[in-house]
Amino acid sequence: MAIWADSLFKKSKTTIMPYEIPTSLVTEGPFRTSRQPIYLGMTLILFGEAILLDSLITFIFPVIFIILMEKIFISVEEKNLEMAFGEKYLDYKKKVRRWI
């Protein structure tokens, strides 16, 4: 999912970097069901690793990852998207959930 989302950024010729202003609003592919499919994909990988390692303590890492992404990156990304696309992004935000 993360690779697919990354390819859509490249196809749209917009930045994938959270602290840069995007030039295109990507709403196709996995972005139809999640505003954060890359972080979602990474989180699923972390949960998968926790399951494979079969250790309760490893389940803390996906939770920490989600909290960090929310606080450090997603809030900045969403502000940049609102600045760049205004009402278009706000409409998208109303229709599509952040994670799933």
C-alpha atoms as a PDB file:
ATOM      1  CA  MET A   1       0.000   0.000   0.000  1.00  0.00           C
ATOM      2  CA  ALA A   2       2.806   2.405   0.880  1.00  0.00           C
ATOM      3  CA  ILE A   3       4.598   1.678  -2.397  1.00  0.00           C
ATOM      4  CA  TRP A   4       1.395   2.211  -4.369  1.00  0.00           C
ATOM      5  CA  ALA A   5       0.781   5.524  -2.597  1.00  0.00           C
ATOM      6  CA  ASP A   6       4.371   6.604  -3.229  1.00  0.00           C
ATOM      7  CA  SER A   7       3.999   5.860  -6.930  1.00  0.00           C
ATOM      8  CA  LEU A   8       0.899   8.071  -7.073  1.00  0.00           C
ATOM      9  CA  PHE A   9       2.862  10.972  -5.596  1.00  0.00           C
ATOM     10  CA  LYS A  10       5.488  10.511  -8.291  1.00  0.00           C
ATOM     11  CA  LYS A  11       2.842  10.244 -11.006  1.00  0.00           C
ATOM     12  CA  SER A  12       1.279  13.496  -9.775  1.00  0.00           C
ATOM     13  CA  LYS A  13       4.722  15.129  -9.562  1.00  0.00           C
ATOM     14  CA  THR A  14       4.122  16.302  -6.031  1.00  0.00           C
ATOM     15  CA  THR A  15       6.202  15.998  -2.907  1.00  0.00           C
ATOM     16  CA  ILE A  16       6.017  13.096  -0.529  1.00  0.00           C
ATOM     17  CA  MET A  17       7.930  15.042   2.110  1.00  0.00           C
ATOM     18  CA  PRO A  18       5.644  16.034   4.997  1.00  0.00           C
ATOM     19  CA  TYR A  19       7.200  19.456   5.581  1.00  0.00           C
ATOM     20  CA  GLU A  20       7.035  20.582   1.946  1.00  0.00           C
ATOM     21  CA  ILE A  21       4.052  22.232   0.292  1.00  0.00           C
ATOM     22  CA  PRO A  22       2.382  19.816  -2.144  1.00  0.00           C
ATOM     23  CA  THR A  23       1.578  20.850  -5.698  1.00  0.00           C
ATOM     24  CA  SER A  24      -1.102  18.247  -6.301  1.00  0.00           C
ATOM     25  CA  LEU A  25      -3.823  16.716  -4.134  1.00  0.00           C
ATOM     26  CA  VAL A  26      -3.703  12.948  -4.572  1.00  0.00           C
ATOM     27  CA  THR A  27      -7.121  11.375  -3.953  1.00  0.00           C
ATOM     28  CA  GLU A  28      -6.992   8.232  -6.070  1.00  0.00           C
ATOM     29  CA  GLY A  29      -5.886   4.703  -5.321  1.00  0.00           C
ATOM     30  CA  PRO A  30      -5.448   4.029  -1.605  1.00  0.00           C
ATOM     31  CA  PHE A  31      -6.138   7.711  -0.903  1.00  0.00           C
ATOM     32  CA  ARG A  32      -9.810   7.008  -1.650  1.00  0.00           C
ATOM     33  CA  THR A  33     -10.118   5.139   1.642  1.00  0.00           C
ATOM     34  CA  SER A  34      -7.340   6.622   3.790  1.00  0.00           C
ATOM     35  CA  ARG A  35      -5.735  10.048   3.891  1.00  0.00           C
ATOM     36  CA  GLN A  36      -2.606   8.392   5.291  1.00  0.00           C
ATOM     37  CA  PRO A  37      -2.085   5.126   3.389  1.00  0.00           C
ATOM     38  CA  ILE A  38       1.708   5.287   3.639  1.00  0.00           C
ATOM     39  CA  TYR A  39       1.674   5.575   7.424  1.00  0.00           C
ATOM     40  CA  LEU A  40      -1.090   2.976   7.517  1.00  0.00           C
ATOM     41  CA  GLY A  41       1.068   0.589   5.489  1.00  0.00           C
ATOM     42  CA  MET A  42       4.030   1.161   7.781  1.00  0.00           C
ATOM     43  CA  THR A  43       1.827   0.569  10.818  1.00  0.00           C
ATOM     44  CA  LEU A  44       0.546  -2.693   9.368  1.00  0.00           C
ATOM     45  CA  ILE A  45       4.131  -3.816   8.802  1.00  0.00           C
ATOM     46  CA  LEU A  46       4.960  -3.037  12.432  1.00  0.00           C
ATOM     47  CA  PHE A  47       1.918  -4.976  13.637  1.00  0.00           C
ATOM     48  CA  GLY A  48       2.900  -7.865  11.364  1.00  0.00           C
ATOM     49  CA  GLU A  49       6.388  -7.904  12.823  1.00  0.00           C
ATOM     50  CA  ALA A  50       4.945  -7.864  16.329  1.00  0.00           C
ATOM     51  CA  ILE A  51       2.798 -10.874  15.474  1.00  0.00           C
ATOM     52  CA  LEU A  52       5.755 -12.716  13.939  1.00  0.00           C
ATOM     53  CA  LEU A  53       7.953 -12.000  16.946  1.00  0.00           C
ATOM     54  CA  ASP A  54       5.182 -13.333  19.167  1.00  0.00           C
ATOM     55  CA  SER A  55       6.021 -10.985  22.002  1.00  0.00           C
ATOM     56  CA  LEU A  56       3.541  -8.753  23.741  1.00  0.00           C
ATOM     57  CA  ILE A  57       6.109  -5.980  24.250  1.00  0.00           C
ATOM     58  CA  THR A  58       6.623  -5.587  20.485  1.00  0.00           C
ATOM     59  CA  PHE A  59       3.033  -4.378  20.120  1.00  0.00           C
ATOM     60  CA  ILE A  60       4.061  -1.125  21.765  1.00  0.00           C
ATOM     61  CA  PHE A  61       6.076  -0.091  18.691  1.00  0.00           C
ATOM     62  CA  PRO A  62       3.139   0.315  16.296  1.00  0.00           C
ATOM     63  CA  VAL A  63       1.299   2.314  18.943  1.00  0.00           C
ATOM     64  CA  ILE A  64       4.296   4.592  19.468  1.00  0.00           C
ATOM     65  CA  PHE A  65       4.645   4.933  15.696  1.00  0.00           C
ATOM     66  CA  ILE A  66       1.018   6.047  15.330  1.00  0.00           C
ATOM     67  CA  ILE A  67       1.361   8.607  18.115  1.00  0.00           C
ATOM     68  CA  LEU A  68       4.579  10.009  16.659  1.00  0.00           C
ATOM     69  CA  MET A  69       3.157  10.222  13.139  1.00  0.00           C
ATOM     70  CA  GLU A  70       0.080  12.033  14.428  1.00  0.00           C
ATOM     71  CA  LYS A  71       2.067  14.541  16.466  1.00  0.00           C
ATOM     72  CA  ILE A  72       5.121  15.111  14.273  1.00  0.00           C
ATOM     73  CA  PHE A  73       4.035  14.668  10.665  1.00  0.00           C
ATOM     74  CA  ILE A  74       0.298  14.408  10.064  1.00  0.00           C
ATOM     75  CA  SER A  75      -0.609  17.673  11.761  1.00  0.00           C
ATOM     76  CA  VAL A  76       1.953  19.518   9.610  1.00  0.00           C
ATOM     77  CA  GLU A  77       0.893  17.715   6.433  1.00  0.00           C
ATOM     78  CA  GLU A  78      -2.744  18.569   6.968  1.00  0.00           C
ATOM     79  CA  LYS A  79      -1.987  22.244   7.589  1.00  0.00           C
ATOM     80  CA  ASN A  80       0.074  22.347   4.392  1.00  0.00           C
ATOM     81  CA  LEU A  81      -2.692  20.652   2.430  1.00  0.00           C
ATOM     82  CA  GLU A  82      -5.280  23.095   3.758  1.00  0.00           C
ATOM     83  CA  MET A  83      -3.025  26.008   2.819  1.00  0.00           C
ATOM     84  CA  ALA A  84      -2.337  24.646  -0.645  1.00  0.00           C
ATOM     85  CA  PHE A  85      -5.793  23.389  -1.605  1.00  0.00           C
ATOM     86  CA  GLY A  86      -8.258  25.099   0.726  1.00  0.00           C
ATOM     87  CA  GLU A  87     -11.846  23.994   0.273  1.00  0.00           C
ATOM     88  CA  LYS A  88     -10.894  21.165  -2.074  1.00  0.00           C
ATOM     89  CA  TYR A  89      -8.842  19.534   0.686  1.00  0.00           C
ATOM     90  CA  LEU A  90     -11.463  20.238   3.346  1.00  0.00           C
ATOM     91  CA  ASP A  91     -14.081  18.464   1.203  1.00  0.00           C
ATOM     92  CA  TYR A  92     -11.738  15.511   0.753  1.00  0.00           C
ATOM     93  CA  LYS A  93     -11.044  15.503   4.489  1.00  0.00           C
ATOM     94  CA  LYS A  94     -14.780  15.267   5.213  1.00  0.00           C
ATOM     95  CA  LYS A  95     -15.184  12.274   2.901  1.00  0.00           C
ATOM     96  CA  VAL A  96     -12.066  10.248   3.716  1.00  0.00           C
ATOM     97  CA  ARG A  97     -10.919   9.152   7.151  1.00  0.00           C
ATOM     98  CA  ARG A  98      -7.374   9.824   8.302  1.00  0.00           C
ATOM     99  CA  TRP A  99      -6.337   6.214   8.865  1.00  0.00           C
ATOM    100  CA  ILE A 100      -9.098   3.744   7.921  1.00  0.00           C
END
